[in-house]
Amino acid sequence: MQFDEDANVDTSDVQDVRGHRIPGGKATIGGGLVGLIALVMALLFGVGPDQLGLSSGETEPSGTASSASEVQRACGTGAAANAREDCRLAFVARSTQDFWNQEFGRRGGQYRPATTVVFGGRVNTGCGTASSAVGPFYCPVDRKVYVDLAFFRELQTRFGASGGPFAQAYVVAHEYGHHVQNLLGTLQRAQDGRTGAASNAVKVELQADCYAGVWTRNATTTPDRSTGRPLVSRLSEQDIRDGLDAAAAVGDDRIQEKLQGRVTPENWTHGSAAQRQQWFYQGYRTGDMAQCNTFR
């Protein structure tokens, strides 16, 4: 995955809160078994802390003071995005939103942008206080995508994904797929409390995978709002394989097999490895969000 080296853009739509001290208060995620459950849900993507239904006692302040504008200070160029993980995240988020803004306009709608928040350790959100165990998630209350970069290393070391820059891009694009669903009113269909291979929860997640594939197909042709040129200059076949591998690594069946030694489809919330690959590739193959109707 390569970005336009000469691109120079404003990254103020990314909030970098790494190192901020989080005041004590009621936490959404606890330790022990609760933390493990939260981690599993996080690794399956798309779950805000409020959706976990978990709570613990009081939390202590964490982190030390650091620059809140590291991304804004260092990540304004394509060269930085090619060299740094946090800058890559910022450029992927911008490219994704450029595409959805264009797509909504083409369909006669209006896209309302989300904010990407980079955090480490713990973060306050409109959906509750989240620890790093939650990993990447979208909060529909404040319309923000939250990412702890440590998750990407966990994806490789704990769950065996091959990694690579595009595996990270897939995760971010999946979360922005949830933002699109929120704007369209489909995200709430996952909130009926049901689980299982045919549940709305699974259909929502697979649709977000498909939307990630749609952006992928259009990434190298979507012009940036400032430069007029695509921010993503190259995607290789290896990048696509890395994305498919990441999708498979966080399938419900793979996670269940690894953590509990058996597969229980009645408890699925995100879909199998094969389903996640299938729907990401469906979006990538067609490049058309209309082909992402997982509810059909």
C-alpha atoms as a PDB file:
ATOM      1  CA  MET A   1       0.000   0.000   0.000  1.00  0.00           C
ATOM      2  CA  GLN A   2       1.489   3.312  -1.082  1.00  0.00           C
ATOM      3  CA  PHE A   3       0.353   6.891  -0.566  1.00  0.00           C
ATOM      4  CA  ASP A   4       1.008   9.888  -2.796  1.00  0.00           C
ATOM      5  CA  GLU A   5       4.413  11.059  -1.545  1.00  0.00           C
ATOM      6  CA  ASP A   6       3.713  14.654  -2.582  1.00  0.00           C
ATOM      7  CA  ALA A   7       0.318  14.912  -0.861  1.00  0.00           C
ATOM      8  CA  ASN A   8       0.083  17.628   1.772  1.00  0.00           C
ATOM      9  CA  VAL A   9      -3.204  17.590   3.681  1.00  0.00           C
ATOM     10  CA  ASP A  10      -4.841  18.789   6.883  1.00  0.00           C
ATOM     11  CA  THR A  11      -5.177  15.944   9.399  1.00  0.00           C
ATOM     12  CA  SER A  12      -7.179  17.895  11.988  1.00  0.00           C
ATOM     13  CA  ASP A  13     -10.057  15.397  11.691  1.00  0.00           C
ATOM     14  CA  VAL A  14      -7.861  12.954  13.632  1.00  0.00           C
ATOM     15  CA  GLN A  15      -7.670  13.472  17.392  1.00  0.00           C
ATOM     16  CA  ASP A  16      -4.514  12.114  19.008  1.00  0.00           C
ATOM     17  CA  VAL A  17      -5.136  11.598  22.733  1.00  0.00           C
ATOM     18  CA  ARG A  18      -2.324   9.153  23.442  1.00  0.00           C
ATOM     19  CA  GLY A  19      -0.785   9.868  26.820  1.00  0.00           C
ATOM     20  CA  HIS A  20      -3.708  11.923  28.131  1.00  0.00           C
ATOM     21  CA  ARG A  21      -4.679  11.365  31.726  1.00  0.00           C
ATOM     22  CA  ILE A  22      -8.198   9.945  32.036  1.00  0.00           C
ATOM     23  CA  PRO A  23      -9.989  11.056  35.208  1.00  0.00           C
ATOM     24  CA  GLY A  24     -11.172   8.312  37.552  1.00  0.00           C
ATOM     25  CA  GLY A  25     -14.754   7.192  37.241  1.00  0.00           C
ATOM     26  CA  LYS A  26     -16.877   4.233  36.380  1.00  0.00           C
ATOM     27  CA  ALA A  27     -15.155   2.044  33.838  1.00  0.00           C
ATOM     28  CA  THR A  28     -16.869   0.056  31.168  1.00  0.00           C
ATOM     29  CA  ILE A  29     -14.201  -2.615  30.868  1.00  0.00           C
ATOM     30  CA  GLY A  30     -12.739  -4.525  33.803  1.00  0.00           C
ATOM     31  CA  GLY A  31      -9.949  -7.047  34.228  1.00  0.00           C
ATOM     32  CA  GLY A  32      -9.835 -10.834  34.522  1.00  0.00           C
ATOM     33  CA  LEU A  33     -12.611 -12.697  32.708  1.00  0.00           C
ATOM     34  CA  VAL A  34     -14.392  -9.449  31.903  1.00  0.00           C
ATOM     35  CA  GLY A  35     -11.276  -8.127  30.222  1.00  0.00           C
ATOM     36  CA  LEU A  36     -10.897 -11.336  28.221  1.00  0.00           C
ATOM     37  CA  ILE A  37     -14.482 -11.129  27.005  1.00  0.00           C
ATOM     38  CA  ALA A  38     -13.902  -7.506  26.049  1.00  0.00           C
ATOM     39  CA  LEU A  39     -10.769  -8.450  24.165  1.00  0.00           C
ATOM     40  CA  VAL A  40     -12.584 -11.151  22.219  1.00  0.00           C
ATOM     41  CA  MET A  41     -15.351  -8.728  21.297  1.00  0.00           C
ATOM     42  CA  ALA A  42     -12.769  -6.132  20.312  1.00  0.00           C
ATOM     43  CA  LEU A  43     -10.946  -8.570  18.072  1.00  0.00           C
ATOM     44  CA  LEU A  44     -14.201  -9.209  16.261  1.00  0.00           C
ATOM     45  CA  PHE A  45     -14.452  -5.451  15.538  1.00  0.00           C
ATOM     46  CA  GLY A  46     -17.206  -2.934  15.666  1.00  0.00           C
ATOM     47  CA  VAL A  47     -18.277  -3.159  19.283  1.00  0.00           C
ATOM     48  CA  GLY A  48     -18.453   0.044  21.290  1.00  0.00           C
ATOM     49  CA  PRO A  49     -17.911  -0.284  25.044  1.00  0.00           C
ATOM     50  CA  ASP A  50     -21.561   0.389  25.774  1.00  0.00           C
ATOM     51  CA  GLN A  51     -22.551  -2.631  23.672  1.00  0.00           C
ATOM     52  CA  LEU A  52     -20.461  -5.029  25.753  1.00  0.00           C
ATOM     53  CA  GLY A  53     -22.830  -4.782  28.698  1.00  0.00           C
ATOM     54  CA  LEU A  54     -19.891  -4.949  31.110  1.00  0.00           C
ATOM     55  CA  SER A  55     -18.933  -2.713  34.006  1.00  0.00           C
ATOM     56  CA  SER A  56     -16.444  -2.627  36.837  1.00  0.00           C
ATOM     57  CA  GLY A  57     -15.556  -0.378  39.726  1.00  0.00           C
ATOM     58  CA  GLU A  58     -13.635   2.874  39.846  1.00  0.00           C
ATOM     59  CA  THR A  59     -10.669   3.482  37.568  1.00  0.00           C
ATOM     60  CA  GLU A  60      -7.436   5.285  38.288  1.00  0.00           C
ATOM     61  CA  PRO A  61      -5.912   7.986  36.117  1.00  0.00           C
ATOM     62  CA  SER A  62      -3.590   6.514  33.524  1.00  0.00           C
ATOM     63  CA  GLY A  63      -0.934   7.732  31.127  1.00  0.00           C
ATOM     64  CA  THR A  64       1.389  10.694  31.216  1.00  0.00           C
ATOM     65  CA  ALA A  65       1.089  14.062  29.560  1.00  0.00           C
ATOM     66  CA  SER A  66       2.179  14.238  25.919  1.00  0.00           C
ATOM     67  CA  SER A  67       1.451  16.258  22.826  1.00  0.00           C
ATOM     68  CA  ALA A  68      -2.200  15.944  21.838  1.00  0.00           C
ATOM     69  CA  SER A  69      -1.326  17.032  18.301  1.00  0.00           C
ATOM     70  CA  GLU A  70       1.344  14.507  17.315  1.00  0.00           C
ATOM     71  CA  VAL A  71      -0.661  13.357  14.291  1.00  0.00           C
ATOM     72  CA  GLN A  72      -1.429  16.952  13.275  1.00  0.00           C
ATOM     73  CA  ARG A  73       2.201  17.933  13.752  1.00  0.00           C
ATOM     74  CA  ALA A  74       3.845  15.046  11.936  1.00  0.00           C
ATOM     75  CA  CYS A  75       1.344  13.432   9.587  1.00  0.00           C
ATOM     76  CA  GLY A  76       0.403  16.021   6.990  1.00  0.00           C
ATOM     77  CA  THR A  77       2.348  14.486   4.108  1.00  0.00           C
ATOM     78  CA  GLY A  78       2.103  11.339   2.079  1.00  0.00           C
ATOM     79  CA  ALA A  79       5.756  10.640   2.802  1.00  0.00           C
ATOM     80  CA  ALA A  80       4.946  10.539   6.539  1.00  0.00           C
ATOM     81  CA  ALA A  81       1.989   8.219   5.879  1.00  0.00           C
ATOM     82  CA  ASN A  82       4.301   5.821   4.054  1.00  0.00           C
ATOM     83  CA  ALA A  83       6.736   5.835   6.967  1.00  0.00           C
ATOM     84  CA  ARG A  84       4.613   5.988  10.133  1.00  0.00           C
ATOM     85  CA  GLU A  85       1.800   3.807  11.434  1.00  0.00           C
ATOM     86  CA  ASP A  86      -0.198   6.660  13.010  1.00  0.00           C
ATOM     87  CA  CYS A  87       0.134   8.760   9.873  1.00  0.00           C
ATOM     88  CA  ARG A  88      -0.992   5.824   7.748  1.00  0.00           C
ATOM     89  CA  LEU A  89      -4.106   5.551   9.882  1.00  0.00           C
ATOM     90  CA  ALA A  90      -4.823   9.263   9.393  1.00  0.00           C
ATOM     91  CA  PHE A  91      -4.472   9.018   5.611  1.00  0.00           C
ATOM     92  CA  VAL A  92      -6.638   5.896   5.388  1.00  0.00           C
ATOM     93  CA  ALA A  93      -9.357   7.604   7.427  1.00  0.00           C
ATOM     94  CA  ARG A  94      -9.227  10.648   5.173  1.00  0.00           C
ATOM     95  CA  SER A  95      -9.282   8.602   1.965  1.00  0.00           C
ATOM     96  CA  THR A  96     -12.197   6.547   3.281  1.00  0.00           C
ATOM     97  CA  GLN A  97     -14.206   9.651   4.103  1.00  0.00           C
ATOM     98  CA  ASP A  98     -13.345  11.270   0.779  1.00  0.00           C
ATOM     99  CA  PHE A  99     -14.843   8.228  -0.917  1.00  0.00           C
ATOM    100  CA  TRP A 100     -18.024   8.115   1.169  1.00  0.00           C
ATOM    101  CA  ASN A 101     -18.559  11.847   0.778  1.00  0.00           C
ATOM    102  CA  GLN A 102     -18.347  11.384  -2.994  1.00  0.00           C
ATOM    103  CA  GLU A 103     -20.580   8.296  -2.923  1.00  0.00           C
ATOM    104  CA  PHE A 104     -23.302   9.918  -0.815  1.00  0.00           C
ATOM    105  CA  GLY A 105     -23.277  12.956  -3.106  1.00  0.00           C
ATOM    106  CA  ARG A 106     -23.535  10.773  -6.188  1.00  0.00           C
ATOM    107  CA  ARG A 107     -26.611   9.138  -4.693  1.00  0.00           C
ATOM    108  CA  GLY A 108     -28.225  12.448  -3.757  1.00  0.00           C
ATOM    109  CA  GLY A 109     -27.459  12.242  -0.047  1.00  0.00           C
ATOM    110  CA  GLN A 110     -25.226  14.136   2.346  1.00  0.00           C
ATOM    111  CA  TYR A 111     -22.317  12.533   4.123  1.00  0.00           C
ATOM    112  CA  ARG A 112     -21.567  13.740   7.636  1.00  0.00           C
ATOM    113  CA  PRO A 113     -17.924  13.085   8.503  1.00  0.00           C
ATOM    114  CA  ALA A 114     -16.757  11.216  11.559  1.00  0.00           C
ATOM    115  CA  THR A 115     -13.659  11.854  13.661  1.00  0.00           C
ATOM    116  CA  THR A 116     -10.889   9.332  14.195  1.00  0.00           C
ATOM    117  CA  VAL A 117      -9.472   9.178  17.725  1.00  0.00           C
ATOM    118  CA  VAL A 118      -6.062   7.581  18.302  1.00  0.00           C
ATOM    119  CA  PHE A 119      -5.680   6.513  21.920  1.00  0.00           C
ATOM    120  CA  GLY A 120      -3.561   4.330  24.149  1.00  0.00           C
ATOM    121  CA  GLY A 121      -4.507   2.721  27.446  1.00  0.00           C
ATOM    122  CA  ARG A 122      -7.910   4.260  28.086  1.00  0.00           C
ATOM    123  CA  VAL A 123     -10.238   6.798  26.493  1.00  0.00           C
ATOM    124  CA  ASN A 124     -13.495   8.577  27.292  1.00  0.00           C
ATOM    125  CA  THR A 125     -16.152   8.201  24.588  1.00  0.00           C
ATOM    126  CA  GLY A 126     -19.806   8.979  24.078  1.00  0.00           C
ATOM    127  CA  CYS A 127     -20.397   5.236  24.590  1.00  0.00           C
ATOM    128  CA  GLY A 128     -18.532   5.037  27.900  1.00  0.00           C
ATOM    129  CA  THR A 129     -14.970   4.768  29.130  1.00  0.00           C
ATOM    130  CA  ALA A 130     -13.007   2.215  27.117  1.00  0.00           C
ATOM    131  CA  SER A 131      -9.718   0.513  27.876  1.00  0.00           C
ATOM    132  CA  SER A 132      -7.202  -0.580  25.270  1.00  0.00           C
ATOM    133  CA  ALA A 133      -8.733  -4.093  25.498  1.00  0.00           C
ATOM    134  CA  VAL A 134     -11.648  -2.841  23.400  1.00  0.00           C
ATOM    135  CA  GLY A 135      -9.378  -2.262  20.405  1.00  0.00           C
ATOM    136  CA  PRO A 136     -10.827  -0.466  17.343  1.00  0.00           C
ATOM    137  CA  PHE A 137     -14.516   0.421  17.562  1.00  0.00           C
ATOM    138  CA  TYR A 138     -17.099   2.895  16.324  1.00  0.00           C
ATOM    139  CA  CYS A 139     -19.264   4.811  18.776  1.00  0.00           C
ATOM    140  CA  PRO A 140     -22.581   5.862  17.174  1.00  0.00           C
ATOM    141  CA  VAL A 141     -23.326   8.300  20.012  1.00  0.00           C
ATOM    142  CA  ASP A 142     -20.447  10.689  19.260  1.00  0.00           C
ATOM    143  CA  ARG A 143     -19.856   9.420  15.703  1.00  0.00           C
ATOM    144  CA  LYS A 144     -16.185   8.711  16.257  1.00  0.00           C
ATOM    145  CA  VAL A 145     -13.895   5.839  15.313  1.00  0.00           C
ATOM    146  CA  TYR A 146     -11.512   4.860  18.124  1.00  0.00           C
ATOM    147  CA  VAL A 147      -8.238   3.051  17.431  1.00  0.00           C
ATOM    148  CA  ASP A 148      -5.456   1.884  19.750  1.00  0.00           C
ATOM    149  CA  LEU A 149      -2.485   1.105  17.515  1.00  0.00           C
ATOM    150  CA  ALA A 150      -1.409  -1.720  19.833  1.00  0.00           C
ATOM    151  CA  PHE A 151      -4.327  -3.739  18.437  1.00  0.00           C
ATOM    152  CA  PHE A 152      -2.542  -4.273  15.139  1.00  0.00           C
ATOM    153  CA  ARG A 153       0.336  -6.053  16.860  1.00  0.00           C
ATOM    154  CA  GLU A 154      -2.189  -8.153  18.800  1.00  0.00           C
ATOM    155  CA  LEU A 155      -3.841  -9.097  15.530  1.00  0.00           C
ATOM    156  CA  GLN A 156      -0.572 -10.623  14.363  1.00  0.00           C
ATOM    157  CA  THR A 157       0.908 -12.085  17.530  1.00  0.00           C
ATOM    158  CA  ARG A 158      -2.272 -13.435  19.150  1.00  0.00           C
ATOM    159  CA  PHE A 159      -4.463 -14.320  16.188  1.00  0.00           C
ATOM    160  CA  GLY A 160      -1.946 -15.039  13.460  1.00  0.00           C
ATOM    161  CA  ALA A 161      -2.859 -12.447  10.831  1.00  0.00           C
ATOM    162  CA  SER A 162      -0.093 -11.806   8.322  1.00  0.00           C
ATOM    163  CA  GLY A 163      -0.207  -8.079   9.040  1.00  0.00           C
ATOM    164  CA  GLY A 164       0.990  -5.445   6.637  1.00  0.00           C
ATOM    165  CA  PRO A 165      -0.159  -1.871   6.044  1.00  0.00           C
ATOM    166  CA  PHE A 166      -3.347  -2.848   4.270  1.00  0.00           C
ATOM    167  CA  ALA A 167      -4.472  -5.176   7.061  1.00  0.00           C
ATOM    168  CA  GLN A 168      -4.572  -2.034   9.206  1.00  0.00           C
ATOM    169  CA  ALA A 169      -6.376  -0.114   6.482  1.00  0.00           C
ATOM    170  CA  TYR A 170      -9.035  -2.832   6.331  1.00  0.00           C
ATOM    171  CA  VAL A 171      -9.717  -2.458  10.064  1.00  0.00           C
ATOM    172  CA  VAL A 172     -10.148   1.321   9.775  1.00  0.00           C
ATOM    173  CA  ALA A 173     -12.323   1.027   6.664  1.00  0.00           C
ATOM    174  CA  HIS A 174     -14.507  -1.539   8.437  1.00  0.00           C
ATOM    175  CA  GLU A 175     -15.140   0.888  11.295  1.00  0.00           C
ATOM    176  CA  TYR A 176     -16.036   3.636   8.837  1.00  0.00           C
ATOM    177  CA  GLY A 177     -18.427   1.130   7.307  1.00  0.00           C
ATOM    178  CA  HIS A 178     -20.244   1.230  10.639  1.00  0.00           C
ATOM    179  CA  HIS A 179     -20.367   5.019  10.419  1.00  0.00           C
ATOM    180  CA  VAL A 180     -21.999   4.741   6.994  1.00  0.00           C
ATOM    181  CA  GLN A 181     -24.514   2.289   8.456  1.00  0.00           C
ATOM    182  CA  ASN A 182     -25.224   4.717  11.274  1.00  0.00           C
ATOM    183  CA  LEU A 183     -25.930   7.512   8.793  1.00  0.00           C
ATOM    184  CA  LEU A 184     -28.191   5.234   6.753  1.00  0.00           C
ATOM    185  CA  GLY A 185     -30.049   3.907   9.792  1.00  0.00           C
ATOM    186  CA  THR A 186     -29.008   0.261   9.385  1.00  0.00           C
ATOM    187  CA  LEU A 187     -26.609   0.029  12.330  1.00  0.00           C
ATOM    188  CA  GLN A 188     -29.462  -0.122  14.827  1.00  0.00           C
ATOM    189  CA  ARG A 189     -30.630  -3.405  13.315  1.00  0.00           C
ATOM    190  CA  ALA A 190     -27.788  -5.124  15.198  1.00  0.00           C
ATOM    191  CA  GLN A 191     -29.144  -3.971  18.549  1.00  0.00           C
ATOM    192  CA  ASP A 192     -31.939  -6.517  18.907  1.00  0.00           C
ATOM    193  CA  GLY A 193     -29.869  -8.616  21.309  1.00  0.00           C
ATOM    194  CA  ARG A 194     -29.827 -11.726  19.123  1.00  0.00           C
ATOM    195  CA  THR A 195     -26.779 -13.757  18.152  1.00  0.00           C
ATOM    196  CA  GLY A 196     -26.148 -16.574  15.704  1.00  0.00           C
ATOM    197  CA  ALA A 197     -25.016 -17.125  12.141  1.00  0.00           C
ATOM    198  CA  ALA A 198     -28.226 -15.624  10.707  1.00  0.00           C
ATOM    199  CA  SER A 199     -28.583 -12.772  13.214  1.00  0.00           C
ATOM    200  CA  ASN A 200     -28.783  -9.091  12.347  1.00  0.00           C
ATOM    201  CA  ALA A 201     -25.592  -8.576  14.349  1.00  0.00           C
ATOM    202  CA  VAL A 202     -23.705 -10.786  11.906  1.00  0.00           C
ATOM    203  CA  LYS A 203     -25.357  -9.166   8.885  1.00  0.00           C
ATOM    204  CA  VAL A 204     -24.340  -5.686  10.063  1.00  0.00           C
ATOM    205  CA  GLU A 205     -20.724  -6.751  10.532  1.00  0.00           C
ATOM    206  CA  LEU A 206     -20.532  -8.487   7.168  1.00  0.00           C
ATOM    207  CA  GLN A 207     -21.975  -5.406   5.498  1.00  0.00           C
ATOM    208  CA  ALA A 208     -19.258  -3.288   7.115  1.00  0.00           C
ATOM    209  CA  ASP A 209     -16.701  -5.719   5.687  1.00  0.00           C
ATOM    210  CA  CYS A 210     -18.309  -5.299   2.267  1.00  0.00           C
ATOM    211  CA  TYR A 211     -18.203  -1.509   2.586  1.00  0.00           C
ATOM    212  CA  ALA A 212     -14.501  -1.780   3.414  1.00  0.00           C
ATOM    213  CA  GLY A 213     -14.064  -3.695   0.172  1.00  0.00           C
ATOM    214  CA  VAL A 214     -16.000  -1.059  -1.782  1.00  0.00           C
ATOM    215  CA  TRP A 215     -13.639   1.666  -0.536  1.00  0.00           C
ATOM    216  CA  THR A 216     -10.669  -0.568  -1.399  1.00  0.00           C
ATOM    217  CA  ARG A 217     -11.804  -0.906  -5.012  1.00  0.00           C
ATOM    218  CA  ASN A 218     -12.161   2.888  -5.320  1.00  0.00           C
ATOM    219  CA  ALA A 219      -9.250   4.035  -3.155  1.00  0.00           C
ATOM    220  CA  THR A 220      -6.774   4.666  -5.961  1.00  0.00           C
ATOM    221  CA  THR A 221      -9.275   6.708  -8.016  1.00  0.00           C
ATOM    222  CA  THR A 222     -10.982   8.788  -5.303  1.00  0.00           C
ATOM    223  CA  PRO A 223      -9.637  12.371  -5.355  1.00  0.00           C
ATOM    224  CA  ASP A 224      -8.688  14.007  -2.083  1.00  0.00           C
ATOM    225  CA  ARG A 225     -10.789  17.022  -1.157  1.00  0.00           C
ATOM    226  CA  SER A 226      -7.697  19.290  -0.991  1.00  0.00           C
ATOM    227  CA  THR A 227      -5.182  17.981  -3.505  1.00  0.00           C
ATOM    228  CA  GLY A 228      -7.633  16.726  -6.136  1.00  0.00           C
ATOM    229  CA  ARG A 229      -5.503  13.581  -6.452  1.00  0.00           C
ATOM    230  CA  PRO A 230      -6.052  10.173  -4.840  1.00  0.00           C
ATOM    231  CA  LEU A 231      -4.190   9.823  -1.540  1.00  0.00           C
ATOM    232  CA  VAL A 232      -3.702   6.096  -2.164  1.00  0.00           C
ATOM    233  CA  SER A 233      -1.427   5.758  -5.162  1.00  0.00           C
ATOM    234  CA  ARG A 234      -0.985   1.987  -5.228  1.00  0.00           C
ATOM    235  CA  LEU A 235      -2.620  -1.175  -3.909  1.00  0.00           C
ATOM    236  CA  SER A 236      -1.062  -4.512  -4.796  1.00  0.00           C
ATOM    237  CA  GLU A 237      -2.492  -8.015  -4.930  1.00  0.00           C
ATOM    238  CA  GLN A 238      -0.489  -8.733  -1.772  1.00  0.00           C
ATOM    239  CA  ASP A 239      -2.325  -5.889  -0.048  1.00  0.00           C
ATOM    240  CA  ILE A 240      -5.657  -7.478  -0.931  1.00  0.00           C
ATOM    241  CA  ARG A 241      -4.438 -10.844   0.346  1.00  0.00           C
ATOM    242  CA  ASP A 242      -3.384  -9.176   3.613  1.00  0.00           C
ATOM    243  CA  GLY A 243      -6.861  -7.675   3.943  1.00  0.00           C
ATOM    244  CA  LEU A 244      -8.529 -11.031   3.297  1.00  0.00           C
ATOM    245  CA  ASP A 245      -6.200 -12.681   5.789  1.00  0.00           C
ATOM    246  CA  ALA A 246      -7.048 -10.121   8.463  1.00  0.00           C
ATOM    247  CA  ALA A 247     -10.764 -10.623   7.799  1.00  0.00           C
ATOM    248  CA  ALA A 248     -10.385 -14.376   8.235  1.00  0.00           C
ATOM    249  CA  ALA A 249      -8.279 -14.057  11.385  1.00  0.00           C
ATOM    250  CA  VAL A 250     -11.156 -12.357  13.214  1.00  0.00           C
ATOM    251  CA  GLY A 251     -13.940 -14.655  12.066  1.00  0.00           C
ATOM    252  CA  ASP A 252     -16.144 -15.912  14.901  1.00  0.00           C
ATOM    253  CA  ASP A 253     -15.196 -19.535  14.234  1.00  0.00           C
ATOM    254  CA  ARG A 254     -11.444 -18.792  14.303  1.00  0.00           C
ATOM    255  CA  ILE A 255     -11.741 -16.825  17.550  1.00  0.00           C
ATOM    256  CA  GLN A 256     -13.915 -19.462  19.231  1.00  0.00           C
ATOM    257  CA  GLU A 257     -11.654 -22.315  18.169  1.00  0.00           C
ATOM    258  CA  LYS A 258      -8.600 -20.538  19.540  1.00  0.00           C
ATOM    259  CA  LEU A 259     -10.104 -19.400  22.855  1.00  0.00           C
ATOM    260  CA  GLN A 260     -12.550 -22.177  23.748  1.00  0.00           C
ATOM    261  CA  GLY A 261     -11.480 -25.086  21.569  1.00  0.00           C
ATOM    262  CA  ARG A 262     -14.825 -25.466  19.809  1.00  0.00           C
ATOM    263  CA  VAL A 263     -17.093 -23.562  17.417  1.00  0.00           C
ATOM    264  CA  THR A 264     -20.576 -22.496  18.554  1.00  0.00           C
ATOM    265  CA  PRO A 265     -22.395 -20.789  15.654  1.00  0.00           C
ATOM    266  CA  GLU A 266     -25.366 -19.911  17.869  1.00  0.00           C
ATOM    267  CA  ASN A 267     -23.134 -17.383  19.641  1.00  0.00           C
ATOM    268  CA  TRP A 268     -21.745 -15.718  16.523  1.00  0.00           C
ATOM    269  CA  THR A 269     -21.949 -11.931  16.329  1.00  0.00           C
ATOM    270  CA  HIS A 270     -19.653 -11.120  13.394  1.00  0.00           C
ATOM    271  CA  GLY A 271     -19.637 -14.064  11.000  1.00  0.00           C
ATOM    272  CA  SER A 272     -17.250 -16.853  10.100  1.00  0.00           C
ATOM    273  CA  ALA A 273     -13.813 -16.399   8.575  1.00  0.00           C
ATOM    274  CA  ALA A 274     -15.158 -17.493   5.189  1.00  0.00           C
ATOM    275  CA  GLN A 275     -18.117 -15.107   5.394  1.00  0.00           C
ATOM    276  CA  ARG A 276     -15.938 -12.147   6.313  1.00  0.00           C
ATOM    277  CA  GLN A 277     -13.605 -12.855   3.425  1.00  0.00           C
ATOM    278  CA  GLN A 278     -16.538 -13.389   1.072  1.00  0.00           C
ATOM    279  CA  TRP A 279     -18.193 -10.062   1.851  1.00  0.00           C
ATOM    280  CA  PHE A 280     -14.963  -8.037   1.839  1.00  0.00           C
ATOM    281  CA  TYR A 281     -14.187  -9.513  -1.564  1.00  0.00           C
ATOM    282  CA  GLN A 282     -17.754  -8.867  -2.751  1.00  0.00           C
ATOM    283  CA  GLY A 283     -17.265  -5.172  -2.053  1.00  0.00           C
ATOM    284  CA  TYR A 284     -13.807  -5.172  -3.607  1.00  0.00           C
ATOM    285  CA  ARG A 285     -14.910  -7.070  -6.724  1.00  0.00           C
ATOM    286  CA  THR A 286     -17.932  -4.873  -7.459  1.00  0.00           C
ATOM    287  CA  GLY A 287     -16.904  -1.515  -5.978  1.00  0.00           C
ATOM    288  CA  ASP A 288     -20.626  -0.905  -5.467  1.00  0.00           C
ATOM    289  CA  MET A 289     -22.269  -0.418  -2.069  1.00  0.00           C
ATOM    290  CA  ALA A 290     -25.591  -1.582  -3.550  1.00  0.00           C
ATOM    291  CA  GLN A 291     -24.034  -5.070  -3.753  1.00  0.00           C
ATOM    292  CA  CYS A 292     -23.526  -5.126   0.025  1.00  0.00           C
ATOM    293  CA  ASN A 293     -27.077  -6.001   1.037  1.00  0.00           C
ATOM    294  CA  THR A 294     -26.327  -8.718   3.581  1.00  0.00           C
ATOM    295  CA  PHE A 295     -29.928  -8.513   4.829  1.00  0.00           C
ATOM    296  CA  ARG A 296     -31.333  -9.836   1.569  1.00  0.00           C
END
